[in-house]
Amino acid sequence: MRIVKLAAAMVALASVPANADPGQVSAAVKADYDGYLDDLFVHFHQNPELSFLETETAKRMAAELRAAGLEVTEGVGGTGVVGMVRNGAGPLILLRADMDGLPLPEKTDLSYASKAVQTGQDGKDYPVMHACGHDVHITSMVGTARQLMAMKGRWSGTLMFVVQPAEERVGGAKAMLEDGLYDRFGKPDFALAFHVASALPTGKITASEGIQYSSADSVDIMVPGIGAHGASPHMGRDPVYIASQIVTAMQSIVSREVMPLSPAVITVGAFHSGTKHNIISDRADLQLTVRANDEATRAQLLKAIERVAVNIGKAHGLPDDMPVQVTVSEGTPVTNNDPQLARRLNAALKRDLGEAVFEPWVQEGMGAEDFAFFVAEDLGVPGYYFAVGGTPQAAFDAEAKGGPAVPSHHSPLFKIAPRESVTLGTEAMIAAVLELAPR
């Protein structure tokens, strides 16, 4: 097992001249990965933690940022960490990385695959893995902090490094804001973040000049029933049947109520009811994820889901004192890049990293991000979120020839190329900061 020695952190960092050009910065980032960040990435990958329970990850990130020379505050919004560095007059720039893993057993062939098991907030034990690349994000944040501290002659302003919990629960950003993030540390002039993308080849970056990610809401539907013997269904009210009708009817919301050119998704991810073949249960539970590309469609979907679910319950004879209950348990708005900022930074990254690095932005799914809370319209913080390629081109070529499919995010088989992902993400973050806060 490779062991990370925090005391050697700064020794491994290559010196970066104050007037370093992009090529020298790139060489320094890669040297730092090979000398230090590689082991750090393996540590994070082997020790993932569930949302809002990232205690050891937070401690390690706090130690890393302190070792880099930042002023660190822990316990912001639960397990969140904030690292500050003030370097003269200039803008306040927020750099964010999420740190939570997922309740999945890792099934990759990696020598450093996670074998972690953790007790969740519900008291149950879960296997945990970094199936969405957050280990890349926090490793890159450490690399970015280390390099920018070594390049303080190149930029002027204040940097706020935000290590965020619970992105997978789309609750961590909101929790940090509710704990006074902007009141305590200042409201940023700009907010930056990136996500490694398994569907994008390594060496590539893409970023929108508008919508970057969809909204996402977790909706729980409790369908009450009246229990009975399976041989006497007329004596009860069957919640499995009623819930099945709700599942079917909800598909008409997207196909017949939402305007066809407005993307929308309603997916039922879980359906639980009953204990035995011949028992009509007295309850069924549905869990949904709901996605939209604008806030009006998002509100329309949520309102329609409640209307359909409640009224189908009534149509099947549920008493007035036993209504179907619809609850939105978690949610995040649409993530929009500030158009002016995105155009500026896309141009800067093309200049510093090379035109060939950039791919045109294409929204290929309806993934969501709670980074949206940091850049909510009412806060007035321009945001820029970009994607960094995580899968070698050779893997896509093999898939095209009938080889194994490239695993998606949230798959037990998910894996990315860490060196290529971490270093490009770090170089891009550095380039963005130097563009926004030049000395």
Protein backbone atom coordinates (compact mmCIF):
# COMPACT_ATOMS: atom_id res chain seq x y z
CA MET A 1 0.00 0.00 0.00
CA ARG A 2 1.28 3.44 -0.89
CA ILE A 3 1.51 5.75 2.13
CA VAL A 4 1.06 9.51 1.90
CA LYS A 5 3.37 11.52 4.17
CA LEU A 6 1.90 14.93 4.80
CA ALA A 7 5.14 16.28 6.25
CA ALA A 8 6.77 15.86 2.84
CA ALA A 9 4.01 17.78 1.09
CA MET A 10 5.83 21.00 0.37
CA VAL A 11 9.17 19.31 -0.32
CA ALA A 12 7.68 17.54 -3.34
CA LEU A 13 6.31 20.75 -4.85
CA ALA A 14 8.29 21.95 -7.82
CA SER A 15 9.27 25.61 -7.77
CA VAL A 16 7.26 27.73 -10.20
CA PRO A 17 8.85 30.97 -11.45
CA ALA A 18 6.75 34.08 -10.86
CA ASN A 19 6.72 34.69 -14.62
CA ALA A 20 6.09 31.06 -15.58
CA ASP A 21 4.44 30.49 -18.95
CA PRO A 22 1.61 27.91 -19.43
CA GLY A 23 4.12 25.24 -20.43
CA GLN A 24 6.11 25.68 -17.23
CA VAL A 25 2.91 25.63 -15.16
CA SER A 26 1.84 22.40 -16.87
CA ALA A 27 5.22 20.80 -16.20
CA ALA A 28 5.08 21.85 -12.53
CA VAL A 29 1.54 20.45 -12.12
CA LYS A 30 2.54 17.11 -13.64
CA ALA A 31 5.67 16.93 -11.51
CA ASP A 32 3.60 17.59 -8.41
CA TYR A 33 1.17 14.83 -9.38
CA ASP A 34 3.98 12.31 -9.86
CA GLY A 35 5.77 13.39 -6.68
CA TYR A 36 2.83 13.80 -4.34
CA LEU A 37 -0.74 13.97 -5.63
CA ASP A 38 -0.75 10.44 -7.05
CA ASP A 39 -0.53 8.92 -3.57
CA LEU A 40 -3.06 11.44 -2.28
CA PHE A 41 -5.54 10.44 -4.97
CA VAL A 42 -5.13 6.75 -4.08
CA HIS A 43 -5.72 7.58 -0.42
CA PHE A 44 -8.96 9.39 -1.21
CA HIS A 45 -10.11 6.66 -3.60
CA GLN A 46 -9.55 3.93 -1.05
CA ASN A 47 -11.25 5.86 1.76
CA PRO A 48 -14.52 7.27 0.40
CA GLU A 49 -17.23 8.48 2.77
CA LEU A 50 -20.97 8.99 2.44
CA SER A 51 -22.72 12.35 2.16
CA PHE A 52 -22.62 14.47 5.33
CA LEU A 53 -20.37 11.81 6.92
CA GLU A 54 -17.08 12.83 5.28
CA THR A 55 -15.30 13.38 8.59
CA GLU A 56 -11.93 11.80 7.75
CA THR A 57 -11.89 13.23 4.23
CA ALA A 58 -12.59 16.68 5.66
CA LYS A 59 -9.79 16.31 8.22
CA ARG A 60 -7.36 15.29 5.51
CA MET A 61 -8.38 18.15 3.22
CA ALA A 62 -8.03 20.62 6.08
CA ALA A 63 -4.54 19.30 6.81
CA GLU A 64 -3.56 19.48 3.14
CA LEU A 65 -4.75 23.07 2.74
CA ARG A 66 -3.00 24.11 5.95
CA ALA A 67 0.20 22.49 4.73
CA ALA A 68 -0.10 24.51 1.54
CA GLY A 69 -0.23 27.69 3.64
CA LEU A 70 -3.95 28.50 3.75
CA GLU A 71 -6.01 29.71 6.70
CA VAL A 72 -8.47 26.85 7.27
CA THR A 73 -11.86 26.66 8.97
CA GLU A 74 -13.51 23.28 9.54
CA GLY A 75 -17.10 22.28 10.28
CA VAL A 76 -18.80 24.70 7.89
CA GLY A 77 -22.22 23.31 7.03
CA GLY A 78 -21.41 20.04 8.78
CA THR A 79 -18.21 18.55 7.41
CA GLY A 80 -17.40 21.40 5.00
CA VAL A 81 -13.94 22.97 4.97
CA VAL A 82 -12.96 26.49 3.87
CA GLY A 83 -9.40 27.50 3.06
CA MET A 84 -8.61 31.20 2.60
CA VAL A 85 -5.59 32.96 1.15
CA ARG A 86 -5.36 36.74 0.85
CA ASN A 87 -2.80 38.09 -1.58
CA GLY A 88 -3.34 41.80 -2.01
CA ALA A 89 -6.07 43.77 -3.72
CA GLY A 90 -8.27 42.02 -6.24
CA PRO A 91 -11.36 39.86 -6.62
CA LEU A 92 -12.57 37.19 -4.22
CA ILE A 93 -12.70 33.91 -6.14
CA LEU A 94 -14.43 30.77 -4.82
CA LEU A 95 -12.94 27.44 -5.95
CA ARG A 96 -15.13 24.48 -5.03
CA ALA A 97 -14.57 20.73 -4.86
CA ASP A 98 -17.10 18.17 -3.61
CA MET A 99 -15.85 15.23 -1.55
CA ASP A 100 -18.56 12.62 -0.90
CA GLY A 101 -18.73 9.08 -2.24
CA LEU A 102 -21.65 6.81 -3.11
CA PRO A 103 -23.21 3.74 -1.43
CA LEU A 104 -21.93 1.26 -4.03
CA PRO A 105 -19.58 -1.74 -3.92
CA GLU A 106 -16.64 -1.06 -6.24
CA LYS A 107 -16.30 -3.73 -8.94
CA THR A 108 -13.39 -2.34 -10.95
CA ASP A 109 -10.10 -4.11 -11.59
CA LEU A 110 -8.10 -1.31 -9.99
CA SER A 111 -5.34 -2.37 -7.59
CA TYR A 112 -6.46 0.42 -5.27
CA ALA A 113 -10.21 -0.30 -5.49
CA SER A 114 -12.27 0.75 -2.50
CA LYS A 115 -13.23 -1.87 0.04
CA ALA A 116 -14.71 0.71 2.40
CA VAL A 117 -17.90 0.09 4.38
CA GLN A 118 -19.58 2.86 6.35
CA THR A 119 -22.62 3.19 8.56
CA GLY A 120 -25.04 5.63 6.95
CA GLN A 121 -27.23 8.23 8.60
CA ASP A 122 -29.99 5.61 8.71
CA GLY A 123 -27.87 3.26 10.85
CA LYS A 124 -27.36 0.72 8.06
CA ASP A 125 -23.96 -0.37 6.74
CA TYR A 126 -23.13 0.40 3.10
CA PRO A 127 -20.21 -0.32 0.79
CA VAL A 128 -18.80 3.01 -0.41
CA MET A 129 -16.88 4.02 -3.52
CA HIS A 130 -15.99 7.16 -5.43
CA ALA A 131 -18.24 6.34 -8.37
CA CYS A 132 -18.52 9.94 -9.55
CA GLY A 133 -14.95 11.18 -9.46
CA HIS A 134 -15.06 13.41 -6.40
CA ASP A 135 -11.66 11.99 -5.46
CA VAL A 136 -10.36 13.69 -8.60
CA HIS A 137 -11.92 16.99 -7.56
CA ILE A 138 -10.42 17.16 -4.08
CA THR A 139 -7.01 15.93 -5.23
CA SER A 140 -7.00 18.62 -7.91
CA MET A 141 -8.01 21.24 -5.33
CA VAL A 142 -4.92 20.38 -3.28
CA GLY A 143 -2.77 20.61 -6.39
CA THR A 144 -4.34 23.94 -7.35
CA ALA A 145 -3.75 25.39 -3.88
CA ARG A 146 -0.15 24.22 -3.81
CA GLN A 147 0.67 25.70 -7.19
CA LEU A 148 -1.11 29.01 -6.65
CA MET A 149 0.66 29.47 -3.32
CA ALA A 150 3.95 28.96 -5.16
CA MET A 151 2.85 31.51 -7.79
CA LYS A 152 1.67 34.36 -5.56
CA GLY A 153 3.68 36.79 -7.64
CA ARG A 154 1.40 36.06 -10.60
CA TRP A 155 -2.00 36.92 -9.08
CA SER A 156 -3.58 39.37 -6.67
CA GLY A 157 -6.77 38.99 -4.70
CA THR A 158 -8.37 36.51 -2.31
CA LEU A 159 -9.07 32.84 -2.91
CA MET A 160 -11.71 30.84 -1.07
CA PHE A 161 -11.19 27.07 -1.38
CA VAL A 162 -14.50 25.36 -0.53
CA VAL A 163 -14.41 21.62 0.23
CA GLN A 164 -18.08 20.76 0.02
CA PRO A 165 -19.94 17.80 1.55
CA ALA A 166 -22.97 15.96 0.20
CA GLU A 167 -23.11 16.92 -3.46
CA GLU A 168 -24.64 13.51 -4.16
CA ARG A 169 -27.48 14.47 -1.83
CA VAL A 170 -27.59 17.97 -3.40
CA GLY A 171 -27.56 19.35 0.12
CA GLY A 172 -23.99 20.28 0.94
CA ALA A 173 -23.77 23.63 -0.85
CA LYS A 174 -27.05 24.75 0.69
CA ALA A 175 -25.87 23.65 4.14
CA MET A 176 -22.66 25.65 3.85
CA LEU A 177 -24.54 28.76 2.72
CA GLU A 178 -27.04 28.37 5.56
CA ASP A 179 -24.06 28.17 7.93
CA GLY A 180 -23.04 31.65 6.80
CA LEU A 181 -20.42 30.83 4.15
CA TYR A 182 -20.72 34.19 2.39
CA ASP A 183 -21.36 36.16 5.58
CA ARG A 184 -18.32 34.69 7.32
CA PHE A 185 -15.83 34.57 4.46
CA GLY A 186 -17.15 37.13 1.98
CA LYS A 187 -19.37 37.00 -1.07
CA PRO A 188 -17.30 35.92 -4.08
CA ASP A 189 -16.88 37.98 -7.20
CA PHE A 190 -16.60 34.71 -9.14
CA ALA A 191 -17.23 31.02 -8.37
CA LEU A 192 -15.43 28.18 -10.16
CA ALA A 193 -15.81 24.40 -10.19
CA PHE A 194 -15.25 21.42 -12.47
CA HIS A 195 -16.40 17.83 -12.78
CA VAL A 196 -14.48 14.94 -14.26
CA ALA A 197 -16.54 13.31 -17.02
CA SER A 198 -16.24 9.65 -17.99
CA ALA A 199 -18.01 10.35 -21.30
CA LEU A 200 -15.33 12.87 -22.34
CA PRO A 201 -11.85 11.80 -23.51
CA THR A 202 -8.85 12.68 -21.40
CA GLY A 203 -7.10 15.86 -22.47
CA LYS A 204 -10.42 17.55 -23.28
CA ILE A 205 -12.41 20.29 -21.55
CA THR A 206 -15.92 21.50 -22.31
CA ALA A 207 -18.03 24.27 -20.80
CA SER A 208 -21.34 25.88 -21.68
CA GLU A 209 -22.01 29.58 -22.05
CA GLY A 210 -25.44 29.01 -20.52
CA ILE A 211 -27.05 25.97 -18.96
CA GLN A 212 -24.50 23.46 -17.70
CA TYR A 213 -26.67 21.05 -15.72
CA SER A 214 -30.36 20.37 -15.16
CA SER A 215 -32.33 20.79 -11.98
CA ALA A 216 -32.91 17.69 -9.87
CA ASP A 217 -35.53 16.94 -7.23
CA SER A 218 -35.94 13.80 -5.14
CA VAL A 219 -39.64 13.12 -4.67
CA ASP A 220 -41.08 10.58 -2.22
CA ILE A 221 -44.63 9.33 -2.69
CA MET A 222 -46.35 7.39 0.10
CA VAL A 223 -49.43 5.50 -1.08
CA PRO A 224 -51.58 4.29 1.82
CA GLY A 225 -53.71 1.19 1.49
CA ILE A 226 -56.13 -0.96 3.42
CA GLY A 227 -54.60 -4.34 4.08
CA ALA A 228 -56.44 -7.54 3.23
CA HIS A 229 -55.95 -11.17 2.26
CA GLY A 230 -54.66 -11.67 -1.26
CA ALA A 231 -57.65 -13.92 -1.92
CA SER A 232 -60.09 -11.16 -0.91
CA PRO A 233 -58.90 -7.96 -2.66
CA HIS A 234 -62.41 -6.48 -2.46
CA MET A 235 -62.00 -6.23 1.31
CA GLY A 236 -59.15 -3.72 1.08
CA ARG A 237 -57.53 -1.04 -1.04
CA ASP A 238 -54.41 -2.32 -2.77
CA PRO A 239 -51.55 0.24 -2.60
CA VAL A 240 -49.43 -1.75 -5.07
CA TYR A 241 -52.10 -1.42 -7.72
CA ILE A 242 -52.72 2.24 -6.91
CA ALA A 243 -49.00 3.04 -6.95
CA SER A 244 -48.63 1.20 -10.26
CA GLN A 245 -51.33 3.40 -11.75
CA ILE A 246 -49.46 6.45 -10.44
CA VAL A 247 -46.21 5.28 -12.06
CA THR A 248 -47.92 4.80 -15.40
CA ALA A 249 -49.90 8.03 -15.27
CA MET A 250 -46.86 10.15 -14.42
CA GLN A 251 -45.38 9.37 -17.82
CA SER A 252 -48.20 11.35 -19.39
CA ILE A 253 -46.96 14.48 -17.62
CA VAL A 254 -43.82 14.60 -19.76
CA SER A 255 -45.46 13.35 -22.95
CA ARG A 256 -48.70 15.32 -22.78
CA GLU A 257 -48.31 18.30 -20.42
CA VAL A 258 -44.77 19.61 -20.88
CA MET A 259 -44.04 21.52 -24.07
CA PRO A 260 -42.18 19.10 -26.40
CA LEU A 261 -39.15 21.38 -26.78
CA SER A 262 -38.65 21.65 -23.00
CA PRO A 263 -36.52 18.76 -21.69
CA ALA A 264 -38.05 16.93 -18.74
CA VAL A 265 -37.55 13.61 -16.97
CA ILE A 266 -39.58 11.76 -14.35
CA THR A 267 -37.90 8.53 -13.31
CA VAL A 268 -39.20 6.14 -10.64
CA GLY A 269 -36.07 4.72 -9.10
CA ALA A 270 -37.62 2.68 -6.30
CA PHE A 271 -40.95 0.95 -5.60
CA HIS A 272 -41.35 -0.79 -2.24
CA SER A 273 -44.38 -2.57 -0.78
CA GLY A 274 -45.51 -5.75 0.87
CA THR A 275 -43.98 -8.71 2.65
CA LYS A 276 -45.70 -11.89 1.38
CA HIS A 277 -47.32 -13.41 -1.71
CA ASN A 278 -50.85 -13.49 -0.33
CA ILE A 279 -50.97 -10.29 1.74
CA ILE A 280 -52.31 -7.03 0.36
CA SER A 281 -50.10 -4.43 2.00
CA ASP A 282 -51.26 -1.26 3.70
CA ARG A 283 -48.57 0.93 2.15
CA ALA A 284 -46.44 1.44 -0.95
CA ASP A 285 -43.52 3.85 -1.31
CA LEU A 286 -42.16 5.36 -4.50
CA GLN A 287 -38.92 7.30 -4.92
CA LEU A 288 -38.55 9.57 -7.94
CA THR A 289 -35.93 11.77 -9.52
CA VAL A 290 -37.31 14.71 -11.47
CA ARG A 291 -35.23 16.77 -13.94
CA ALA A 292 -35.77 19.95 -15.96
CA ASN A 293 -33.72 22.57 -17.80
CA ASP A 294 -35.54 25.64 -16.51
CA GLU A 295 -37.25 26.61 -13.30
CA ALA A 296 -40.71 27.02 -14.86
CA THR A 297 -40.71 23.43 -16.16
CA ARG A 298 -39.33 22.23 -12.84
CA ALA A 299 -42.23 23.82 -10.95
CA GLN A 300 -44.73 22.46 -13.49
CA LEU A 301 -43.45 18.90 -13.05
CA LEU A 302 -43.56 18.96 -9.27
CA LYS A 303 -47.06 20.41 -9.21
CA ALA A 304 -48.33 17.87 -11.75
CA ILE A 305 -46.79 14.91 -9.90
CA GLU A 306 -48.66 15.83 -6.73
CA ARG A 307 -51.93 16.37 -8.62
CA VAL A 308 -51.71 13.03 -10.44
CA ALA A 309 -50.68 11.01 -7.39
CA VAL A 310 -53.25 12.43 -4.99
CA ASN A 311 -56.15 12.20 -7.42
CA ILE A 312 -55.37 8.66 -8.54
CA GLY A 313 -55.54 7.70 -4.87
CA LYS A 314 -58.96 9.31 -4.63
CA ALA A 315 -60.11 7.65 -7.85
CA HIS A 316 -59.33 4.25 -6.36
CA GLY A 317 -61.34 4.87 -3.24
CA LEU A 318 -58.83 5.95 -0.64
CA PRO A 319 -60.68 7.75 2.17
CA ASP A 320 -60.20 11.52 2.59
CA ASP A 321 -58.27 10.92 5.80
CA MET A 322 -55.84 8.59 3.96
CA PRO A 323 -54.49 10.72 1.09
CA VAL A 324 -51.48 9.91 -1.04
CA GLN A 325 -48.60 11.99 0.35
CA VAL A 326 -46.04 13.64 -1.93
CA THR A 327 -42.84 15.11 -0.46
CA VAL A 328 -39.86 16.78 -2.15
CA SER A 329 -37.00 15.63 0.09
CA GLU A 330 -33.99 17.05 -1.78
CA GLY A 331 -33.55 19.39 -4.72
CA THR A 332 -31.21 21.69 -6.60
CA PRO A 333 -31.93 24.33 -9.24
CA VAL A 334 -30.62 24.44 -12.80
CA THR A 335 -26.88 25.18 -12.95
CA ASN A 336 -26.23 28.04 -15.35
CA ASN A 337 -22.83 29.39 -16.31
CA ASP A 338 -22.68 33.17 -16.44
CA PRO A 339 -22.47 33.80 -20.21
CA GLN A 340 -20.01 36.70 -20.05
CA LEU A 341 -17.74 34.91 -17.58
CA ALA A 342 -17.92 31.65 -19.53
CA ARG A 343 -16.93 33.36 -22.79
CA ARG A 344 -14.02 35.04 -21.05
CA LEU A 345 -12.72 31.90 -19.35
CA ASN A 346 -13.30 29.62 -22.32
CA ALA A 347 -11.13 31.99 -24.35
CA ALA A 348 -8.48 32.15 -21.62
CA LEU A 349 -8.30 28.37 -21.27
CA LYS A 350 -8.04 27.92 -25.03
CA ARG A 351 -5.21 30.46 -25.05
CA ASP A 352 -3.28 28.87 -22.18
CA LEU A 353 -4.07 25.18 -22.68
CA GLY A 354 -4.46 25.11 -26.46
CA GLU A 355 -7.41 25.27 -28.84
CA ALA A 356 -7.36 21.48 -29.28
CA VAL A 357 -8.18 20.96 -25.60
CA PHE A 358 -11.70 22.38 -25.96
CA GLU A 359 -14.69 20.37 -27.15
CA PRO A 360 -18.00 22.04 -28.06
CA TRP A 361 -20.48 21.83 -25.18
CA VAL A 362 -23.27 19.29 -25.74
CA GLN A 363 -25.78 18.42 -23.04
CA GLU A 364 -25.95 14.64 -23.37
CA GLY A 365 -28.07 13.92 -20.30
CA MET A 366 -29.85 15.61 -17.43
CA GLY A 367 -27.28 15.39 -14.69
CA ALA A 368 -27.53 17.95 -11.89
CA GLU A 369 -25.22 19.83 -9.54
CA ASP A 370 -25.77 21.69 -6.29
CA PHE A 371 -23.04 24.17 -7.28
CA ALA A 372 -26.16 26.02 -8.48
CA PHE A 373 -26.76 27.21 -4.90
CA PHE A 374 -23.42 29.06 -4.81
CA VAL A 375 -24.34 31.00 -7.96
CA ALA A 376 -28.09 31.40 -7.46
CA GLU A 377 -29.49 34.38 -9.32
CA ASP A 378 -30.52 36.22 -6.15
CA LEU A 379 -26.94 36.04 -4.81
CA GLY A 380 -25.42 37.77 -7.82
CA VAL A 381 -22.28 35.56 -8.00
CA PRO A 382 -21.18 34.79 -11.58
CA GLY A 383 -20.35 31.09 -11.90
CA TYR A 384 -18.25 28.99 -14.27
CA TYR A 385 -18.47 25.20 -14.23
CA PHE A 386 -16.58 23.04 -16.71
CA ALA A 387 -16.08 19.36 -17.45
CA VAL A 388 -12.71 17.60 -17.69
CA GLY A 389 -12.27 14.39 -19.67
CA GLY A 390 -11.63 11.29 -17.59
CA THR A 391 -11.53 8.32 -19.99
CA PRO A 392 -8.64 7.61 -22.39
CA GLN A 393 -9.56 7.78 -26.07
CA ALA A 394 -8.38 4.18 -26.47
CA ALA A 395 -11.29 3.02 -24.30
CA PHE A 396 -13.81 4.76 -26.57
CA ASP A 397 -12.09 3.26 -29.63
CA ALA A 398 -12.29 -0.22 -28.11
CA GLU A 399 -15.98 0.27 -27.28
CA ALA A 400 -16.69 1.32 -30.88
CA LYS A 401 -15.11 -1.93 -32.08
CA GLY A 402 -17.37 -4.05 -29.85
CA GLY A 403 -15.24 -3.97 -26.72
CA PRO A 404 -16.43 -3.23 -23.19
CA ALA A 405 -18.61 -0.17 -22.73
CA VAL A 406 -17.12 2.83 -20.96
CA PRO A 407 -18.73 2.76 -17.49
CA SER A 408 -20.98 5.67 -16.60
CA HIS A 409 -20.94 7.72 -13.46
CA HIS A 410 -22.61 6.00 -10.48
CA SER A 411 -21.68 2.57 -11.86
CA PRO A 412 -19.79 0.06 -9.68
CA LEU A 413 -17.41 -0.20 -12.66
CA PHE A 414 -16.75 3.56 -12.84
CA LYS A 415 -13.10 4.49 -13.20
CA ILE A 416 -11.16 7.31 -14.76
CA ALA A 417 -7.53 8.05 -15.58
CA PRO A 418 -6.47 9.98 -12.46
CA ARG A 419 -3.23 11.58 -13.63
CA GLU A 420 -4.71 13.00 -16.82
CA SER A 421 -7.89 14.13 -15.05
CA VAL A 422 -6.29 15.70 -11.98
CA THR A 423 -3.54 17.52 -13.86
CA LEU A 424 -5.79 19.00 -16.56
CA GLY A 425 -8.36 20.09 -13.99
CA THR A 426 -5.59 21.72 -11.96
CA GLU A 427 -4.08 23.49 -14.96
CA ALA A 428 -7.50 24.81 -15.96
CA MET A 429 -8.25 26.12 -12.47
CA ILE A 430 -4.89 27.86 -12.32
CA ALA A 431 -5.43 29.42 -15.75
CA ALA A 432 -8.88 30.66 -14.68
CA VAL A 433 -7.53 32.29 -11.51
CA LEU A 434 -4.66 33.95 -13.38
CA GLU A 435 -7.15 35.33 -15.90
CA LEU A 436 -9.52 36.72 -13.28
CA ALA A 437 -6.98 38.01 -10.76
CA PRO A 438 -3.83 39.07 -12.61
CA ARG A 439 -1.16 41.01 -10.74
